[in-house]
Amino acid sequence: MNFQLLKGKFTLEEIKQLNPLVLALIGDAVYEVFIRTYLVEKNRGLNVHKVHVKTVSYVKAKAQSEYMKIIIDDLEDDEMAIF
């Protein structure tokens, strides 16, 4: 996976000026692709429907909220400002 796709496209100042909801939209999409890739890699026998159902269980808002409770104390100040 090419995680360098957007590297250098935005300055730090430009990123700080983006609406946090835009960042969330992009972040959710990236997170979903990551989860789907992980699930397919670890469960090669799953059919498409089961991959989808498992993915949804990880990426839905309630699940993300639970994950945030776990990592919130580890966030940097700039991350907390967006959160």
PDB file of N, CA and C in Angstrom:
ATOM      1  N   MET A   1       0.840  -1.170   0.000  1.00  0.00           N
ATOM      2  CA  MET A   1       0.000   0.000   0.000  1.00  0.00           C
ATOM      3  C   MET A   1       0.892   1.242   0.000  1.00  0.00           C
ATOM      4  N   ASN A   2       0.560   2.209  -0.807  1.00  0.00           N
ATOM      5  CA  ASN A   2       1.367   3.422  -0.895  1.00  0.00           C
ATOM      6  C   ASN A   2       0.846   4.469   0.080  1.00  0.00           C
ATOM      7  N   PHE A   3       1.478   4.549   1.248  1.00  0.00           N
ATOM      8  CA  PHE A   3       1.056   5.517   2.250  1.00  0.00           C
ATOM      9  C   PHE A   3       1.668   6.892   1.997  1.00  0.00           C
ATOM     10  N   GLN A   4       2.443   7.025   0.946  1.00  0.00           N
ATOM     11  CA  GLN A   4       3.078   8.295   0.609  1.00  0.00           C
ATOM     12  C   GLN A   4       2.256   9.084  -0.411  1.00  0.00           C
ATOM     13  N   LEU A   5       1.073   8.617  -0.725  1.00  0.00           N
ATOM     14  CA  LEU A   5       0.235   9.191  -1.771  1.00  0.00           C
ATOM     15  C   LEU A   5       0.051  10.700  -1.632  1.00  0.00           C
ATOM     16  N   LEU A   6      -0.183  11.176  -0.429  1.00  0.00           N
ATOM     17  CA  LEU A   6      -0.430  12.603  -0.215  1.00  0.00           C
ATOM     18  C   LEU A   6       0.755  13.336   0.404  1.00  0.00           C
ATOM     19  N   LYS A   7       1.845  12.626   0.622  1.00  0.00           N
ATOM     20  CA  LYS A   7       3.003  13.244   1.261  1.00  0.00           C
ATOM     21  C   LYS A   7       3.469  14.443   0.449  1.00  0.00           C
ATOM     22  N   GLY A   8       3.610  15.567   1.124  1.00  0.00           N
ATOM     23  CA  GLY A   8       4.098  16.777   0.478  1.00  0.00           C
ATOM     24  C   GLY A   8       3.035  17.551  -0.282  1.00  0.00           C
ATOM     25  N   LYS A   9       1.792  17.078  -0.290  1.00  0.00           N
ATOM     26  CA  LYS A   9       0.724  17.772  -1.022  1.00  0.00           C
ATOM     27  C   LYS A   9       0.197  18.972  -0.248  1.00  0.00           C
ATOM     28  N   PHE A  10       0.274  18.912   1.069  1.00  0.00           N
ATOM     29  CA  PHE A  10      -0.219  19.981   1.926  1.00  0.00           C
ATOM     30  C   PHE A  10       0.876  20.388   2.899  1.00  0.00           C
ATOM     31  N   THR A  11       0.961  21.680   3.166  1.00  0.00           N
ATOM     32  CA  THR A  11       1.853  22.130   4.231  1.00  0.00           C
ATOM     33  C   THR A  11       1.139  21.899   5.561  1.00  0.00           C
ATOM     34  N   LEU A  12       1.892  21.956   6.646  1.00  0.00           N
ATOM     35  CA  LEU A  12       1.295  21.798   7.967  1.00  0.00           C
ATOM     36  C   LEU A  12       0.252  22.887   8.208  1.00  0.00           C
ATOM     37  N   GLU A  13       0.545  24.090   7.774  1.00  0.00           N
ATOM     38  CA  GLU A  13      -0.413  25.193   7.927  1.00  0.00           C
ATOM     39  C   GLU A  13      -1.694  24.931   7.140  1.00  0.00           C
ATOM     40  N   GLU A  14      -1.567  24.410   5.927  1.00  0.00           N
ATOM     41  CA  GLU A  14      -2.755  24.094   5.122  1.00  0.00           C
ATOM     42  C   GLU A  14      -3.593  23.003   5.790  1.00  0.00           C
ATOM     43  N   ILE A  15      -2.920  22.030   6.358  1.00  0.00           N
ATOM     44  CA  ILE A  15      -3.634  20.954   7.053  1.00  0.00           C
ATOM     45  C   ILE A  15      -4.382  21.512   8.254  1.00  0.00           C
ATOM     46  N   LYS A  16      -3.737  22.400   9.009  1.00  0.00           N
ATOM     47  CA  LYS A  16      -4.378  22.996  10.188  1.00  0.00           C
ATOM     48  C   LYS A  16      -5.596  23.829   9.815  1.00  0.00           C
ATOM     49  N   GLN A  17      -5.648  24.323   8.593  1.00  0.00           N
ATOM     50  CA  GLN A  17      -6.768  25.154   8.149  1.00  0.00           C
ATOM     51  C   GLN A  17      -7.940  24.326   7.620  1.00  0.00           C
ATOM     52  N   LEU A  18      -7.727  23.045   7.404  1.00  0.00           N
ATOM     53  CA  LEU A  18      -8.807  22.193   6.908  1.00  0.00           C
ATOM     54  C   LEU A  18      -9.869  21.999   7.991  1.00  0.00           C
ATOM     55  N   ASN A  19     -11.101  21.905   7.563  1.00  0.00           N
ATOM     56  CA  ASN A  19     -12.203  21.621   8.463  1.00  0.00           C
ATOM     57  C   ASN A  19     -11.975  20.235   9.078  1.00  0.00           C
ATOM     58  N   PRO A  20     -12.072  20.104  10.405  1.00  0.00           N
ATOM     59  CA  PRO A  20     -11.878  18.792  11.031  1.00  0.00           C
ATOM     60  C   PRO A  20     -12.800  17.708  10.474  1.00  0.00           C
ATOM     61  N   LEU A  21     -13.987  18.101  10.000  1.00  0.00           N
ATOM     62  CA  LEU A  21     -14.891  17.105   9.414  1.00  0.00           C
ATOM     63  C   LEU A  21     -14.342  16.560   8.097  1.00  0.00           C
ATOM     64  N   VAL A  22     -13.615  17.399   7.354  1.00  0.00           N
ATOM     65  CA  VAL A  22     -12.967  16.935   6.122  1.00  0.00           C
ATOM     66  C   VAL A  22     -11.871  15.933   6.480  1.00  0.00           C
ATOM     67  N   LEU A  23     -11.101  16.254   7.509  1.00  0.00           N
ATOM     68  CA  LEU A  23     -10.059  15.326   7.959  1.00  0.00           C
ATOM     69  C   LEU A  23     -10.679  14.010   8.430  1.00  0.00           C
ATOM     70  N   ALA A  24     -11.805  14.095   9.128  1.00  0.00           N
ATOM     71  CA  ALA A  24     -12.488  12.886   9.594  1.00  0.00           C
ATOM     72  C   ALA A  24     -12.979  12.046   8.424  1.00  0.00           C
ATOM     73  N   LEU A  25     -13.502  12.702   7.401  1.00  0.00           N
ATOM     74  CA  LEU A  25     -13.983  11.992   6.213  1.00  0.00           C
ATOM     75  C   LEU A  25     -12.853  11.201   5.559  1.00  0.00           C
ATOM     76  N   ILE A  26     -11.719  11.852   5.392  1.00  0.00           N
ATOM     77  CA  ILE A  26     -10.563  11.186   4.788  1.00  0.00           C
ATOM     78  C   ILE A  26     -10.034  10.100   5.725  1.00  0.00           C
ATOM     79  N   GLY A  27      -9.954  10.430   7.005  1.00  0.00           N
ATOM     80  CA  GLY A  27      -9.468   9.459   7.982  1.00  0.00           C
ATOM     81  C   GLY A  27     -10.328   8.211   8.043  1.00  0.00           C
ATOM     82  N   ASP A  28     -11.645   8.394   7.998  1.00  0.00           N
ATOM     83  CA  ASP A  28     -12.549   7.239   8.011  1.00  0.00           C
ATOM     84  C   ASP A  28     -12.330   6.348   6.793  1.00  0.00           C
ATOM     85  N   ALA A  29     -12.130   6.971   5.644  1.00  0.00           N
ATOM     86  CA  ALA A  29     -11.912   6.190   4.414  1.00  0.00           C
ATOM     87  C   ALA A  29     -10.609   5.403   4.499  1.00  0.00           C
ATOM     88  N   VAL A  30      -9.554   6.051   4.965  1.00  0.00           N
ATOM     89  CA  VAL A  30      -8.254   5.384   5.099  1.00  0.00           C
ATOM     90  C   VAL A  30      -8.355   4.250   6.118  1.00  0.00           C
ATOM     91  N   TYR A  31      -9.007   4.524   7.245  1.00  0.00           N
ATOM     92  CA  TYR A  31      -9.169   3.514   8.290  1.00  0.00           C
ATOM     93  C   TYR A  31      -9.943   2.304   7.765  1.00  0.00           C
ATOM     94  N   GLU A  32     -10.998   2.563   6.994  1.00  0.00           N
ATOM     95  CA  GLU A  32     -11.792   1.458   6.452  1.00  0.00           C
ATOM     96  C   GLU A  32     -10.971   0.596   5.492  1.00  0.00           C
ATOM     97  N   VAL A  33     -10.174   1.224   4.642  1.00  0.00           N
ATOM     98  CA  VAL A  33      -9.319   0.454   3.723  1.00  0.00           C
ATOM     99  C   VAL A  33      -8.307  -0.364   4.520  1.00  0.00           C
ATOM    100  N   PHE A  34      -7.741   0.236   5.557  1.00  0.00           N
ATOM    101  CA  PHE A  34      -6.788  -0.479   6.404  1.00  0.00           C
ATOM    102  C   PHE A  34      -7.454  -1.705   7.038  1.00  0.00           C
ATOM    103  N   ILE A  35      -8.644  -1.522   7.608  1.00  0.00           N
ATOM    104  CA  ILE A  35      -9.350  -2.627   8.264  1.00  0.00           C
ATOM    105  C   ILE A  35      -9.709  -3.718   7.260  1.00  0.00           C
ATOM    106  N   ARG A  36     -10.225  -3.339   6.094  1.00  0.00           N
ATOM    107  CA  ARG A  36     -10.574  -4.339   5.074  1.00  0.00           C
ATOM    108  C   ARG A  36      -9.334  -5.140   4.659  1.00  0.00           C
ATOM    109  N   THR A  37      -8.230  -4.438   4.440  1.00  0.00           N
ATOM    110  CA  THR A  37      -6.987  -5.105   4.047  1.00  0.00           C
ATOM    111  C   THR A  37      -6.530  -6.067   5.138  1.00  0.00           C
ATOM    112  N   TYR A  38      -6.569  -5.608   6.381  1.00  0.00           N
ATOM    113  CA  TYR A  38      -6.179  -6.446   7.515  1.00  0.00           C
ATOM    114  C   TYR A  38      -7.052  -7.697   7.595  1.00  0.00           C
ATOM    115  N   LEU A  39      -8.368  -7.511   7.497  1.00  0.00           N
ATOM    116  CA  LEU A  39      -9.285  -8.651   7.606  1.00  0.00           C
ATOM    117  C   LEU A  39      -9.090  -9.662   6.488  1.00  0.00           C
ATOM    118  N   VAL A  40      -8.891  -9.183   5.275  1.00  0.00           N
ATOM    119  CA  VAL A  40      -8.664 -10.098   4.149  1.00  0.00           C
ATOM    120  C   VAL A  40      -7.348 -10.846   4.338  1.00  0.00           C
ATOM    121  N   GLU A  41      -6.327 -10.129   4.807  1.00  0.00           N
ATOM    122  CA  GLU A  41      -5.023 -10.761   5.022  1.00  0.00           C
ATOM    123  C   GLU A  41      -5.104 -11.845   6.098  1.00  0.00           C
ATOM    124  N   LYS A  42      -5.827 -11.576   7.178  1.00  0.00           N
ATOM    125  CA  LYS A  42      -5.897 -12.510   8.303  1.00  0.00           C
ATOM    126  C   LYS A  42      -6.976 -13.579   8.144  1.00  0.00           C
ATOM    127  N   ASN A  43      -7.927 -13.344   7.239  1.00  0.00           N
ATOM    128  CA  ASN A  43      -9.059 -14.263   7.067  1.00  0.00           C
ATOM    129  C   ASN A  43      -9.308 -14.499   5.590  1.00  0.00           C
ATOM    130  N   ARG A  44      -8.365 -15.093   4.920  1.00  0.00           N
ATOM    131  CA  ARG A  44      -8.433 -15.227   3.458  1.00  0.00           C
ATOM    132  C   ARG A  44      -9.643 -16.017   2.970  1.00  0.00           C
ATOM    133  N   GLY A  45     -10.254 -16.816   3.827  1.00  0.00           N
ATOM    134  CA  GLY A  45     -11.392 -17.616   3.406  1.00  0.00           C
ATOM    135  C   GLY A  45     -12.741 -16.927   3.534  1.00  0.00           C
ATOM    136  N   LEU A  46     -12.764 -15.722   4.103  1.00  0.00           N
ATOM    137  CA  LEU A  46     -14.046 -15.035   4.286  1.00  0.00           C
ATOM    138  C   LEU A  46     -14.630 -14.583   2.957  1.00  0.00           C
ATOM    139  N   ASN A  47     -15.946 -14.722   2.842  1.00  0.00           N
ATOM    140  CA  ASN A  47     -16.589 -14.198   1.640  1.00  0.00           C
ATOM    141  C   ASN A  47     -16.779 -12.683   1.782  1.00  0.00           C
ATOM    142  N   VAL A  48     -17.166 -12.047   0.713  1.00  0.00           N
ATOM    143  CA  VAL A  48     -17.274 -10.585   0.680  1.00  0.00           C
ATOM    144  C   VAL A  48     -18.240 -10.072   1.746  1.00  0.00           C
ATOM    145  N   HIS A  49     -19.363 -10.739   1.893  1.00  0.00           N
ATOM    146  CA  HIS A  49     -20.354 -10.285   2.880  1.00  0.00           C
ATOM    147  C   HIS A  49     -19.773 -10.311   4.291  1.00  0.00           C
ATOM    148  N   LYS A  50     -19.071 -11.382   4.634  1.00  0.00           N
ATOM    149  CA  LYS A  50     -18.495 -11.486   5.977  1.00  0.00           C
ATOM    150  C   LYS A  50     -17.391 -10.456   6.192  1.00  0.00           C
ATOM    151  N   VAL A  51     -16.597 -10.189   5.169  1.00  0.00           N
ATOM    152  CA  VAL A  51     -15.579  -9.134   5.280  1.00  0.00           C
ATOM    153  C   VAL A  51     -16.272  -7.801   5.539  1.00  0.00           C
ATOM    154  N   HIS A  52     -17.347  -7.544   4.806  1.00  0.00           N
ATOM    155  CA  HIS A  52     -18.085  -6.291   4.984  1.00  0.00           C
ATOM    156  C   HIS A  52     -18.646  -6.174   6.403  1.00  0.00           C
ATOM    157  N   VAL A  53     -19.286  -7.234   6.885  1.00  0.00           N
ATOM    158  CA  VAL A  53     -19.893  -7.209   8.218  1.00  0.00           C
ATOM    159  C   VAL A  53     -18.831  -6.991   9.289  1.00  0.00           C
ATOM    160  N   LYS A  54     -17.712  -7.711   9.189  1.00  0.00           N
ATOM    161  CA  LYS A  54     -16.627  -7.535  10.157  1.00  0.00           C
ATOM    162  C   LYS A  54     -16.048  -6.123  10.077  1.00  0.00           C
ATOM    163  N   THR A  55     -15.889  -5.608   8.859  1.00  0.00           N
ATOM    164  CA  THR A  55     -15.368  -4.252   8.685  1.00  0.00           C
ATOM    165  C   THR A  55     -16.267  -3.245   9.375  1.00  0.00           C
ATOM    166  N   VAL A  56     -17.559  -3.350   9.140  1.00  0.00           N
ATOM    167  CA  VAL A  56     -18.513  -2.416   9.752  1.00  0.00           C
ATOM    168  C   VAL A  56     -18.409  -2.458  11.273  1.00  0.00           C
ATOM    169  N   SER A  57     -18.200  -3.638  11.840  1.00  0.00           N
ATOM    170  CA  SER A  57     -18.106  -3.737  13.298  1.00  0.00           C
ATOM    171  C   SER A  57     -16.905  -2.970  13.850  1.00  0.00           C
ATOM    172  N   TYR A  58     -15.867  -2.797  13.045  1.00  0.00           N
ATOM    173  CA  TYR A  58     -14.686  -2.042  13.460  1.00  0.00           C
ATOM    174  C   TYR A  58     -14.795  -0.549  13.166  1.00  0.00           C
ATOM    175  N   VAL A  59     -15.426  -0.192  12.065  1.00  0.00           N
ATOM    176  CA  VAL A  59     -15.365   1.210  11.619  1.00  0.00           C
ATOM    177  C   VAL A  59     -16.581   2.040  12.005  1.00  0.00           C
ATOM    178  N   LYS A  60     -17.627   1.428  12.525  1.00  0.00           N
ATOM    179  CA  LYS A  60     -18.803   2.210  12.899  1.00  0.00           C
ATOM    180  C   LYS A  60     -18.446   3.175  14.035  1.00  0.00           C
ATOM    181  N   ALA A  61     -19.236   4.223  14.152  1.00  0.00           N
ATOM    182  CA  ALA A  61     -18.948   5.293  15.109  1.00  0.00           C
ATOM    183  C   ALA A  61     -18.815   4.778  16.539  1.00  0.00           C
ATOM    184  N   LYS A  62     -19.676   3.867  16.948  1.00  0.00           N
ATOM    185  CA  LYS A  62     -19.612   3.343  18.316  1.00  0.00           C
ATOM    186  C   LYS A  62     -18.276   2.654  18.582  1.00  0.00           C
ATOM    187  N   ALA A  63     -17.808   1.867  17.639  1.00  0.00           N
ATOM    188  CA  ALA A  63     -16.524   1.182  17.810  1.00  0.00           C
ATOM    189  C   ALA A  63     -15.381   2.189  17.875  1.00  0.00           C
ATOM    190  N   GLN A  64     -15.407   3.186  16.987  1.00  0.00           N
ATOM    191  CA  GLN A  64     -14.354   4.200  16.998  1.00  0.00           C
ATOM    192  C   GLN A  64     -14.362   4.972  18.317  1.00  0.00           C
ATOM    193  N   SER A  65     -15.544   5.229  18.860  1.00  0.00           N
ATOM    194  CA  SER A  65     -15.651   5.910  20.145  1.00  0.00           C
ATOM    195  C   SER A  65     -15.001   5.085  21.256  1.00  0.00           C
ATOM    196  N   GLU A  66     -15.220   3.786  21.224  1.00  0.00           N
ATOM    197  CA  GLU A  66     -14.609   2.903  22.223  1.00  0.00           C
ATOM    198  C   GLU A  66     -13.086   2.889  22.088  1.00  0.00           C
ATOM    199  N   TYR A  67     -12.582   2.870  20.861  1.00  0.00           N
ATOM    200  CA  TYR A  67     -11.129   2.899  20.649  1.00  0.00           C
ATOM    201  C   TYR A  67     -10.536   4.207  21.164  1.00  0.00           C
ATOM    202  N   MET A  68     -11.265   5.307  20.950  1.00  0.00           N
ATOM    203  CA  MET A  68     -10.770   6.607  21.412  1.00  0.00           C
ATOM    204  C   MET A  68     -10.633   6.639  22.929  1.00  0.00           C
ATOM    205  N   LYS A  69     -11.562   6.000  23.633  1.00  0.00           N
ATOM    206  CA  LYS A  69     -11.477   5.943  25.093  1.00  0.00           C
ATOM    207  C   LYS A  69     -10.176   5.271  25.534  1.00  0.00           C
ATOM    208  N   ILE A  70      -9.714   4.330  24.737  1.00  0.00           N
ATOM    209  CA  ILE A  70      -8.491   3.599  25.071  1.00  0.00           C
ATOM    210  C   ILE A  70      -7.250   4.452  24.827  1.00  0.00           C
ATOM    211  N   ILE A  71      -7.240   5.236  23.745  1.00  0.00           N
ATOM    212  CA  ILE A  71      -6.013   5.949  23.364  1.00  0.00           C
ATOM    213  C   ILE A  71      -6.012   7.436  23.704  1.00  0.00           C
ATOM    214  N   ILE A  72      -7.100   7.956  24.248  1.00  0.00           N
ATOM    215  CA  ILE A  72      -7.218   9.405  24.419  1.00  0.00           C
ATOM    216  C   ILE A  72      -6.084   9.996  25.259  1.00  0.00           C
ATOM    217  N   ASP A  73      -5.625   9.283  26.266  1.00  0.00           N
ATOM    218  CA  ASP A  73      -4.548   9.801  27.115  1.00  0.00           C
ATOM    219  C   ASP A  73      -3.206   9.857  26.397  1.00  0.00           C
ATOM    220  N   ASP A  74      -3.094   9.199  25.263  1.00  0.00           N
ATOM    221  CA  ASP A  74      -1.845   9.176  24.508  1.00  0.00           C
ATOM    222  C   ASP A  74      -1.814  10.188  23.364  1.00  0.00           C
ATOM    223  N   LEU A  75      -2.907  10.924  23.158  1.00  0.00           N
ATOM    224  CA  LEU A  75      -2.952  11.884  22.056  1.00  0.00           C
ATOM    225  C   LEU A  75      -2.072  13.094  22.345  1.00  0.00           C
ATOM    226  N   GLU A  76      -1.470  13.617  21.302  1.00  0.00           N
ATOM    227  CA  GLU A  76      -0.680  14.842  21.394  1.00  0.00           C
ATOM    228  C   GLU A  76      -1.636  16.039  21.448  1.00  0.00           C
ATOM    229  N   ASP A  77      -1.125  17.203  21.834  1.00  0.00           N
ATOM    230  CA  ASP A  77      -1.959  18.402  21.933  1.00  0.00           C
ATOM    231  C   ASP A  77      -2.641  18.748  20.617  1.00  0.00           C
ATOM    232  N   ASP A  78      -1.903  18.648  19.504  1.00  0.00           N
ATOM    233  CA  ASP A  78      -2.502  18.985  18.210  1.00  0.00           C
ATOM    234  C   ASP A  78      -3.585  17.981  17.814  1.00  0.00           C
ATOM    235  N   GLU A  79      -3.434  16.730  18.237  1.00  0.00           N
ATOM    236  CA  GLU A  79      -4.466  15.729  17.971  1.00  0.00           C
ATOM    237  C   GLU A  79      -5.706  16.003  18.823  1.00  0.00           C
ATOM    238  N   MET A  80      -5.490  16.386  20.071  1.00  0.00           N
ATOM    239  CA  MET A  80      -6.615  16.712  20.953  1.00  0.00           C
ATOM    240  C   MET A  80      -7.376  17.933  20.443  1.00  0.00           C
ATOM    241  N   ALA A  81      -6.669  18.876  19.849  1.00  0.00           N
ATOM    242  CA  ALA A  81      -7.323  20.078  19.319  1.00  0.00           C
ATOM    243  C   ALA A  81      -8.311  19.720  18.218  1.00  0.00           C
ATOM    244  N   ILE A  82      -8.001  18.692  17.447  1.00  0.00           N
ATOM    245  CA  ILE A  82      -8.896  18.254  16.375  1.00  0.00           C
ATOM    246  C   ILE A  82     -10.001  17.374  16.941  1.00  0.00           C
ATOM    247  N   PHE A  83      -9.649  16.533  17.910  1.00  0.00           N
ATOM    248  CA  PHE A  83     -10.619  15.613  18.496  1.00  0.00           C
ATOM    249  C   PHE A  83     -11.667  16.394  19.252  1.00  0.00           C
TER     250      PHE A  83
END
